[in-house]
């Protein structure tokens, strides 16, 4: 018997800021190209959120705020920014061909003005030692 998953009962999953980046990321999730994501550990600590765990589920939101699918975490690791490996970069499904590509794109996002503004006084510069929460996931339901 297939499990029924109500997207409205799940926590919201936000990828990037609404607009072209989020649209690209959500499309990659829906196509199966994106099976990994990353965010900064200090964001979790700053927002007093618990770390994600294997088995956690969320409803992925598109730029319009629609719940388009549900994902389930299959792996969660904390890795320094400078030690992300090629498989992790590839799993993000954004067309990165090297770790350097991943680092440049993520540094650009995490040091962008919108991101800085969202973190206010808690913003931290990205270094090779900055701890990144890396999550692998699978799509388990679609809207």
N, C-alpha and C. Protein backbone atom coordinates (compact mmCIF):
# COMPACT_ATOMS: atom_id res chain seq x y z
N UNK A 1 0.84 -1.18 0.00
CA UNK A 1 0.00 0.00 0.00
C UNK A 1 0.89 1.25 0.00
N UNK A 2 0.59 2.20 -0.84
CA UNK A 2 1.37 3.43 -0.94
C UNK A 2 0.95 4.41 0.15
N UNK A 3 1.92 5.00 0.79
CA UNK A 3 1.66 5.97 1.85
C UNK A 3 1.13 7.27 1.25
N UNK A 4 0.06 7.79 1.83
CA UNK A 4 -0.46 9.10 1.40
C UNK A 4 0.31 10.18 2.16
N UNK A 5 0.82 11.14 1.43
CA UNK A 5 1.56 12.24 2.05
C UNK A 5 0.83 13.53 1.76
N UNK A 6 0.38 14.20 2.83
CA UNK A 6 -0.31 15.48 2.70
C UNK A 6 0.74 16.59 2.76
N UNK A 7 0.99 17.24 1.62
CA UNK A 7 2.00 18.29 1.56
C UNK A 7 1.71 19.42 2.54
N UNK A 8 0.44 19.66 2.83
CA UNK A 8 0.08 20.76 3.73
C UNK A 8 0.44 20.50 5.18
N UNK A 9 0.73 19.26 5.51
CA UNK A 9 1.09 18.92 6.89
C UNK A 9 2.59 18.98 7.15
N UNK A 10 3.37 19.20 6.09
CA UNK A 10 4.83 19.20 6.22
C UNK A 10 5.38 20.60 6.43
N UNK A 11 6.55 20.66 7.07
CA UNK A 11 7.28 21.92 7.18
C UNK A 11 7.61 22.43 5.79
N UNK A 12 7.74 23.74 5.65
CA UNK A 12 8.07 24.33 4.35
C UNK A 12 9.56 24.23 4.07
N UNK A 13 9.89 23.92 2.82
CA UNK A 13 11.27 23.90 2.37
C UNK A 13 11.49 24.99 1.34
N UNK A 14 12.38 25.92 1.67
CA UNK A 14 12.66 27.06 0.81
C UNK A 14 14.06 26.90 0.21
N UNK A 15 14.15 27.04 -1.10
CA UNK A 15 15.43 26.93 -1.80
C UNK A 15 15.75 28.27 -2.43
N UNK A 16 16.82 28.90 -1.96
CA UNK A 16 17.17 30.23 -2.46
C UNK A 16 16.07 31.22 -2.12
N UNK A 17 16.14 32.39 -2.74
CA UNK A 17 15.10 33.40 -2.58
C UNK A 17 14.11 33.25 -3.73
N UNK A 18 12.83 33.61 -3.52
CA UNK A 18 11.87 33.53 -4.62
C UNK A 18 12.36 34.28 -5.85
N UNK A 19 12.12 33.71 -7.01
CA UNK A 19 12.56 34.31 -8.27
C UNK A 19 13.30 33.29 -9.11
N UNK A 20 14.13 33.77 -10.02
CA UNK A 20 14.79 32.86 -10.97
C UNK A 20 15.61 31.75 -10.32
N UNK A 21 16.34 32.06 -9.24
CA UNK A 21 17.15 31.01 -8.60
C UNK A 21 16.26 29.93 -8.02
N UNK A 22 15.23 30.32 -7.26
CA UNK A 22 14.34 29.30 -6.68
C UNK A 22 13.67 28.51 -7.79
N UNK A 23 13.23 29.17 -8.85
CA UNK A 23 12.58 28.46 -9.95
C UNK A 23 13.51 27.41 -10.54
N UNK A 24 14.77 27.76 -10.71
CA UNK A 24 15.77 26.83 -11.25
C UNK A 24 15.97 25.65 -10.29
N UNK A 25 16.08 25.92 -9.00
CA UNK A 25 16.32 24.86 -8.02
C UNK A 25 15.13 23.92 -7.91
N UNK A 26 13.92 24.48 -7.88
CA UNK A 26 12.72 23.65 -7.78
C UNK A 26 12.56 22.79 -9.03
N UNK A 27 12.83 23.35 -10.20
CA UNK A 27 12.76 22.56 -11.43
C UNK A 27 13.76 21.41 -11.39
N UNK A 28 14.95 21.66 -10.84
CA UNK A 28 15.97 20.60 -10.74
C UNK A 28 15.53 19.52 -9.76
N UNK A 29 14.87 19.90 -8.68
CA UNK A 29 14.35 18.92 -7.72
C UNK A 29 13.29 18.06 -8.40
N UNK A 30 12.35 18.71 -9.07
CA UNK A 30 11.25 17.99 -9.71
C UNK A 30 11.73 17.06 -10.83
N UNK A 31 12.81 17.45 -11.51
CA UNK A 31 13.34 16.62 -12.60
C UNK A 31 14.20 15.47 -12.10
N UNK A 32 14.58 15.52 -10.81
CA UNK A 32 15.45 14.49 -10.25
C UNK A 32 16.92 14.80 -10.36
N UNK A 33 17.27 15.95 -10.95
CA UNK A 33 18.68 16.33 -11.07
C UNK A 33 19.26 16.80 -9.75
N UNK A 34 18.44 17.41 -8.92
CA UNK A 34 18.91 17.95 -7.64
C UNK A 34 18.49 16.99 -6.53
N UNK A 35 19.48 16.35 -5.92
CA UNK A 35 19.23 15.42 -4.82
C UNK A 35 20.02 15.80 -3.58
N UNK A 36 20.59 17.00 -3.60
CA UNK A 36 21.36 17.48 -2.47
C UNK A 36 21.24 18.99 -2.35
N UNK A 37 21.43 19.47 -1.14
CA UNK A 37 21.39 20.91 -0.90
C UNK A 37 22.31 21.22 0.27
N UNK A 38 22.63 22.47 0.40
CA UNK A 38 23.52 22.86 1.49
C UNK A 38 23.12 24.22 2.03
N UNK A 39 23.39 24.41 3.30
CA UNK A 39 23.21 25.71 3.92
C UNK A 39 24.21 25.84 5.05
N UNK A 40 24.33 27.03 5.57
CA UNK A 40 25.35 27.30 6.58
C UNK A 40 24.87 26.88 7.97
N UNK A 41 25.73 26.19 8.69
CA UNK A 41 25.38 25.73 10.04
C UNK A 41 24.98 26.90 10.93
N UNK A 42 25.66 28.03 10.78
CA UNK A 42 25.34 29.14 11.68
C UNK A 42 23.92 29.67 11.46
N UNK A 43 23.34 29.43 10.28
CA UNK A 43 21.95 29.82 10.06
C UNK A 43 21.03 29.04 11.00
N UNK A 44 21.29 27.77 11.12
CA UNK A 44 20.51 26.90 12.00
C UNK A 44 20.66 27.35 13.44
N UNK A 45 21.88 27.62 13.84
CA UNK A 45 22.15 28.06 15.21
C UNK A 45 21.52 29.42 15.48
N UNK A 46 21.63 30.34 14.51
CA UNK A 46 21.11 31.69 14.66
C UNK A 46 19.59 31.67 14.81
N UNK A 47 18.93 30.81 14.04
CA UNK A 47 17.47 30.73 14.07
C UNK A 47 16.97 29.76 15.13
N UNK A 48 17.89 29.21 15.94
CA UNK A 48 17.56 28.27 17.00
C UNK A 48 16.73 27.09 16.47
N UNK A 49 17.13 26.61 15.29
CA UNK A 49 16.47 25.46 14.67
C UNK A 49 17.28 24.21 14.94
N UNK A 50 16.58 23.09 15.03
CA UNK A 50 17.29 21.83 15.18
C UNK A 50 17.88 21.43 13.83
N UNK A 51 18.97 20.72 13.88
CA UNK A 51 19.59 20.23 12.65
C UNK A 51 18.67 19.24 11.97
N UNK A 52 18.68 19.22 10.64
CA UNK A 52 17.88 18.21 9.96
C UNK A 52 18.42 16.82 10.27
N UNK A 53 17.57 15.83 10.10
CA UNK A 53 17.96 14.45 10.36
C UNK A 53 17.50 13.58 9.20
N UNK A 54 18.14 12.43 9.07
CA UNK A 54 17.70 11.45 8.09
C UNK A 54 16.25 11.10 8.41
N UNK A 55 15.43 11.08 7.38
CA UNK A 55 14.01 10.78 7.56
C UNK A 55 13.12 12.00 7.67
N UNK A 56 13.70 13.17 7.94
CA UNK A 56 12.90 14.40 7.98
C UNK A 56 12.30 14.64 6.61
N UNK A 57 11.09 15.19 6.62
CA UNK A 57 10.38 15.49 5.37
C UNK A 57 10.01 16.97 5.34
N UNK A 58 9.89 17.50 4.12
CA UNK A 58 9.45 18.87 3.96
C UNK A 58 8.70 19.01 2.64
N UNK A 59 7.86 20.06 2.56
CA UNK A 59 7.17 20.41 1.33
C UNK A 59 7.96 21.51 0.65
N UNK A 60 8.41 21.27 -0.56
CA UNK A 60 9.19 22.24 -1.31
C UNK A 60 8.26 23.30 -1.89
N UNK A 61 8.60 24.57 -1.63
CA UNK A 61 7.79 25.68 -2.13
C UNK A 61 8.42 26.29 -3.37
N UNK A 62 7.56 26.64 -4.34
CA UNK A 62 8.05 27.35 -5.51
C UNK A 62 8.02 28.85 -5.21
N UNK A 63 8.35 29.66 -6.20
CA UNK A 63 8.43 31.11 -5.98
C UNK A 63 7.09 31.74 -5.63
N UNK A 64 6.00 31.11 -6.04
CA UNK A 64 4.66 31.62 -5.74
C UNK A 64 4.15 31.13 -4.39
N UNK A 65 4.94 30.31 -3.69
CA UNK A 65 4.52 29.79 -2.40
C UNK A 65 3.71 28.52 -2.48
N UNK A 66 3.63 27.91 -3.66
CA UNK A 66 2.91 26.64 -3.82
C UNK A 66 3.77 25.49 -3.35
N UNK A 67 3.16 24.52 -2.69
CA UNK A 67 3.84 23.29 -2.28
C UNK A 67 3.83 22.35 -3.47
N UNK A 68 5.01 22.13 -4.08
CA UNK A 68 5.06 21.39 -5.33
C UNK A 68 5.45 19.92 -5.18
N UNK A 69 6.13 19.59 -4.10
CA UNK A 69 6.51 18.20 -3.86
C UNK A 69 6.95 18.05 -2.41
N UNK A 70 7.10 16.80 -2.00
CA UNK A 70 7.63 16.49 -0.68
C UNK A 70 8.95 15.77 -0.85
N UNK A 71 9.90 16.09 0.02
CA UNK A 71 11.19 15.40 0.01
C UNK A 71 11.44 14.76 1.37
N UNK A 72 12.31 13.76 1.37
CA UNK A 72 12.72 13.09 2.60
C UNK A 72 14.24 13.04 2.62
N UNK A 73 14.83 13.43 3.72
CA UNK A 73 16.29 13.42 3.85
C UNK A 73 16.80 11.98 3.92
N UNK A 74 17.86 11.74 3.14
CA UNK A 74 18.48 10.41 3.13
C UNK A 74 19.87 10.43 3.74
N UNK A 75 20.45 11.61 3.87
CA UNK A 75 21.78 11.76 4.46
C UNK A 75 21.95 13.20 4.93
N UNK A 76 22.56 13.38 6.09
CA UNK A 76 22.85 14.71 6.61
C UNK A 76 24.27 14.70 7.17
N UNK A 77 25.10 15.62 6.68
CA UNK A 77 26.46 15.73 7.19
C UNK A 77 26.82 17.19 7.38
N UNK A 78 27.79 17.43 8.24
CA UNK A 78 28.34 18.77 8.40
C UNK A 78 29.77 18.70 7.90
N UNK A 79 30.08 19.57 6.96
CA UNK A 79 31.39 19.54 6.31
C UNK A 79 31.90 20.97 6.15
N UNK A 80 33.19 21.20 6.37
CA UNK A 80 33.73 22.53 6.13
C UNK A 80 33.57 22.92 4.65
N UNK A 81 33.31 24.18 4.41
CA UNK A 81 33.13 24.72 3.05
C UNK A 81 34.25 24.25 2.13
N UNK A 82 35.47 24.29 2.60
CA UNK A 82 36.63 23.92 1.79
C UNK A 82 36.78 22.43 1.56
N UNK A 83 35.91 21.60 2.18
CA UNK A 83 36.03 20.15 2.02
C UNK A 83 34.82 19.51 1.33
N UNK A 84 33.94 20.34 0.76
CA UNK A 84 32.85 19.78 -0.05
C UNK A 84 33.50 18.96 -1.16
N UNK A 85 32.96 17.78 -1.44
CA UNK A 85 33.57 16.95 -2.48
C UNK A 85 32.79 17.04 -3.80
N UNK A 86 33.35 16.47 -4.83
CA UNK A 86 32.76 16.57 -6.16
C UNK A 86 31.37 15.96 -6.21
N UNK A 87 31.16 14.82 -5.55
CA UNK A 87 29.83 14.19 -5.60
C UNK A 87 28.78 15.10 -4.96
N UNK A 88 29.14 15.75 -3.86
CA UNK A 88 28.20 16.68 -3.23
C UNK A 88 27.87 17.83 -4.18
N UNK A 89 28.88 18.36 -4.85
CA UNK A 89 28.66 19.44 -5.81
C UNK A 89 27.75 18.98 -6.95
N UNK A 90 27.99 17.80 -7.46
CA UNK A 90 27.18 17.27 -8.55
C UNK A 90 25.74 17.01 -8.11
N UNK A 91 25.55 16.51 -6.89
CA UNK A 91 24.22 16.19 -6.38
C UNK A 91 23.33 17.43 -6.26
N UNK A 92 23.93 18.61 -6.23
CA UNK A 92 23.11 19.82 -6.11
C UNK A 92 22.35 20.10 -7.41
N UNK A 93 22.69 19.43 -8.50
CA UNK A 93 21.90 19.49 -9.71
C UNK A 93 21.84 20.83 -10.40
N UNK A 94 22.84 21.65 -10.16
CA UNK A 94 22.85 22.99 -10.74
C UNK A 94 23.86 23.12 -11.88
N UNK A 95 24.38 21.99 -12.32
CA UNK A 95 25.31 22.01 -13.44
C UNK A 95 26.76 22.24 -13.04
N UNK A 96 27.08 22.15 -11.75
CA UNK A 96 28.47 22.30 -11.34
C UNK A 96 29.28 21.13 -11.89
N UNK A 97 30.43 21.45 -12.46
CA UNK A 97 31.31 20.40 -12.98
C UNK A 97 32.51 20.16 -12.09
N UNK A 98 32.80 21.13 -11.22
CA UNK A 98 33.94 21.01 -10.29
C UNK A 98 33.53 21.54 -8.93
N UNK A 99 34.32 21.19 -7.94
CA UNK A 99 34.09 21.74 -6.60
C UNK A 99 34.27 23.25 -6.62
N UNK A 100 35.23 23.73 -7.39
CA UNK A 100 35.45 25.18 -7.49
C UNK A 100 34.19 25.88 -8.02
N UNK A 101 33.51 25.28 -9.01
CA UNK A 101 32.25 25.84 -9.51
C UNK A 101 31.25 25.97 -8.36
N UNK A 102 31.12 24.89 -7.58
CA UNK A 102 30.19 24.89 -6.44
C UNK A 102 30.58 25.99 -5.45
N UNK A 103 31.87 26.05 -5.10
CA UNK A 103 32.33 27.04 -4.13
C UNK A 103 32.06 28.46 -4.60
N UNK A 104 32.35 28.74 -5.87
CA UNK A 104 32.14 30.09 -6.38
C UNK A 104 30.67 30.48 -6.34
N UNK A 105 29.79 29.59 -6.78
CA UNK A 105 28.36 29.89 -6.79
C UNK A 105 27.81 30.06 -5.38
N UNK A 106 28.23 29.20 -4.45
CA UNK A 106 27.72 29.30 -3.09
C UNK A 106 28.31 30.49 -2.35
N UNK A 107 29.56 30.78 -2.57
CA UNK A 107 30.16 31.97 -1.95
C UNK A 107 29.43 33.22 -2.46
N UNK A 108 29.17 33.26 -3.77
CA UNK A 108 28.46 34.41 -4.35
C UNK A 108 27.08 34.57 -3.70
N UNK A 109 26.35 33.47 -3.54
CA UNK A 109 25.01 33.54 -2.92
C UNK A 109 25.12 33.92 -1.44
N UNK A 110 25.98 33.22 -0.70
CA UNK A 110 26.06 33.43 0.74
C UNK A 110 26.71 34.76 1.11
N UNK A 111 27.36 35.42 0.17
CA UNK A 111 27.93 36.73 0.44
C UNK A 111 27.18 37.84 -0.33
N UNK A 112 26.05 37.48 -0.94
CA UNK A 112 25.25 38.45 -1.70
C UNK A 112 24.57 39.43 -0.76
N UNK A 113 24.19 40.57 -1.29
CA UNK A 113 23.52 41.58 -0.48
C UNK A 113 22.19 41.07 0.10
N UNK A 114 21.34 40.39 -0.70
CA UNK A 114 20.09 39.88 -0.10
C UNK A 114 20.35 38.90 1.05
N UNK A 115 21.34 38.02 0.89
CA UNK A 115 21.63 37.07 1.96
C UNK A 115 22.16 37.80 3.18
N UNK A 116 23.09 38.73 2.97
CA UNK A 116 23.63 39.52 4.08
C UNK A 116 22.50 40.22 4.82
N UNK A 117 21.60 40.83 4.07
CA UNK A 117 20.49 41.56 4.69
C UNK A 117 19.60 40.62 5.50
N UNK A 118 19.42 39.40 5.01
CA UNK A 118 18.56 38.45 5.73
C UNK A 118 19.19 37.99 7.05
N UNK A 119 20.50 38.10 7.17
CA UNK A 119 21.19 37.66 8.39
C UNK A 119 21.52 38.81 9.33
N UNK A 120 21.42 40.05 8.82
CA UNK A 120 21.67 41.22 9.65
C UNK A 120 23.04 41.18 10.30
N UNK A 121 23.08 41.51 11.58
CA UNK A 121 24.34 41.58 12.31
C UNK A 121 24.99 40.22 12.50
N UNK A 122 24.26 39.15 12.23
CA UNK A 122 24.80 37.80 12.42
C UNK A 122 25.55 37.27 11.20
N UNK A 123 25.56 38.06 10.10
CA UNK A 123 26.25 37.61 8.89
C UNK A 123 27.70 37.29 9.19
N UNK A 124 28.20 36.19 8.60
CA UNK A 124 29.60 35.79 8.75
C UNK A 124 30.21 35.57 7.37
N UNK A 125 31.44 36.03 7.20
CA UNK A 125 32.16 35.80 5.95
C UNK A 125 32.38 34.30 5.76
N UNK A 126 32.44 33.88 4.50
CA UNK A 126 32.66 32.47 4.18
C UNK A 126 34.16 32.20 4.10
N UNK A 127 34.62 31.20 4.83
CA UNK A 127 36.01 30.77 4.78
C UNK A 127 36.01 29.27 4.47
N UNK A 128 37.18 28.71 4.21
CA UNK A 128 37.26 27.26 3.98
C UNK A 128 36.78 26.46 5.19
N UNK A 129 36.84 27.06 6.38
CA UNK A 129 36.42 26.36 7.58
C UNK A 129 34.96 26.56 7.95
N UNK A 130 34.25 27.41 7.23
CA UNK A 130 32.83 27.65 7.53
C UNK A 130 32.07 26.33 7.41
N UNK A 131 31.32 25.99 8.47
CA UNK A 131 30.63 24.71 8.48
C UNK A 131 29.34 24.77 7.66
N UNK A 132 29.22 23.78 6.77
CA UNK A 132 28.09 23.68 5.87
C UNK A 132 27.29 22.42 6.24
N UNK A 133 25.98 22.56 6.34
CA UNK A 133 25.10 21.41 6.52
C UNK A 133 24.76 20.92 5.12
N UNK A 134 25.14 19.69 4.83
CA UNK A 134 24.87 19.12 3.51
C UNK A 134 23.82 18.03 3.66
N UNK A 135 22.74 18.17 2.89
CA UNK A 135 21.60 17.25 3.00
C UNK A 135 21.34 16.60 1.65
N UNK A 136 21.27 15.27 1.63
CA UNK A 136 20.82 14.54 0.46
C UNK A 136 19.36 14.17 0.70
N UNK A 137 18.56 14.18 -0.37
CA UNK A 137 17.13 13.92 -0.21
C UNK A 137 16.59 13.23 -1.45
N UNK A 138 15.38 12.74 -1.32
CA UNK A 138 14.66 12.17 -2.46
C UNK A 138 13.23 12.72 -2.46
N UNK A 139 12.67 12.85 -3.64
CA UNK A 139 11.29 13.27 -3.78
C UNK A 139 10.41 12.06 -3.45
N UNK A 140 9.46 12.26 -2.55
CA UNK A 140 8.59 11.15 -2.15
C UNK A 140 7.12 11.37 -2.53
N UNK A 141 6.79 12.60 -2.96
CA UNK A 141 5.41 12.90 -3.38
C UNK A 141 5.42 14.18 -4.20
N UNK A 142 4.45 14.29 -5.09
CA UNK A 142 4.29 15.50 -5.90
C UNK A 142 2.88 16.04 -5.71
N UNK A 143 2.76 17.35 -5.91
CA UNK A 143 1.44 17.99 -5.77
C UNK A 143 0.54 17.56 -6.91
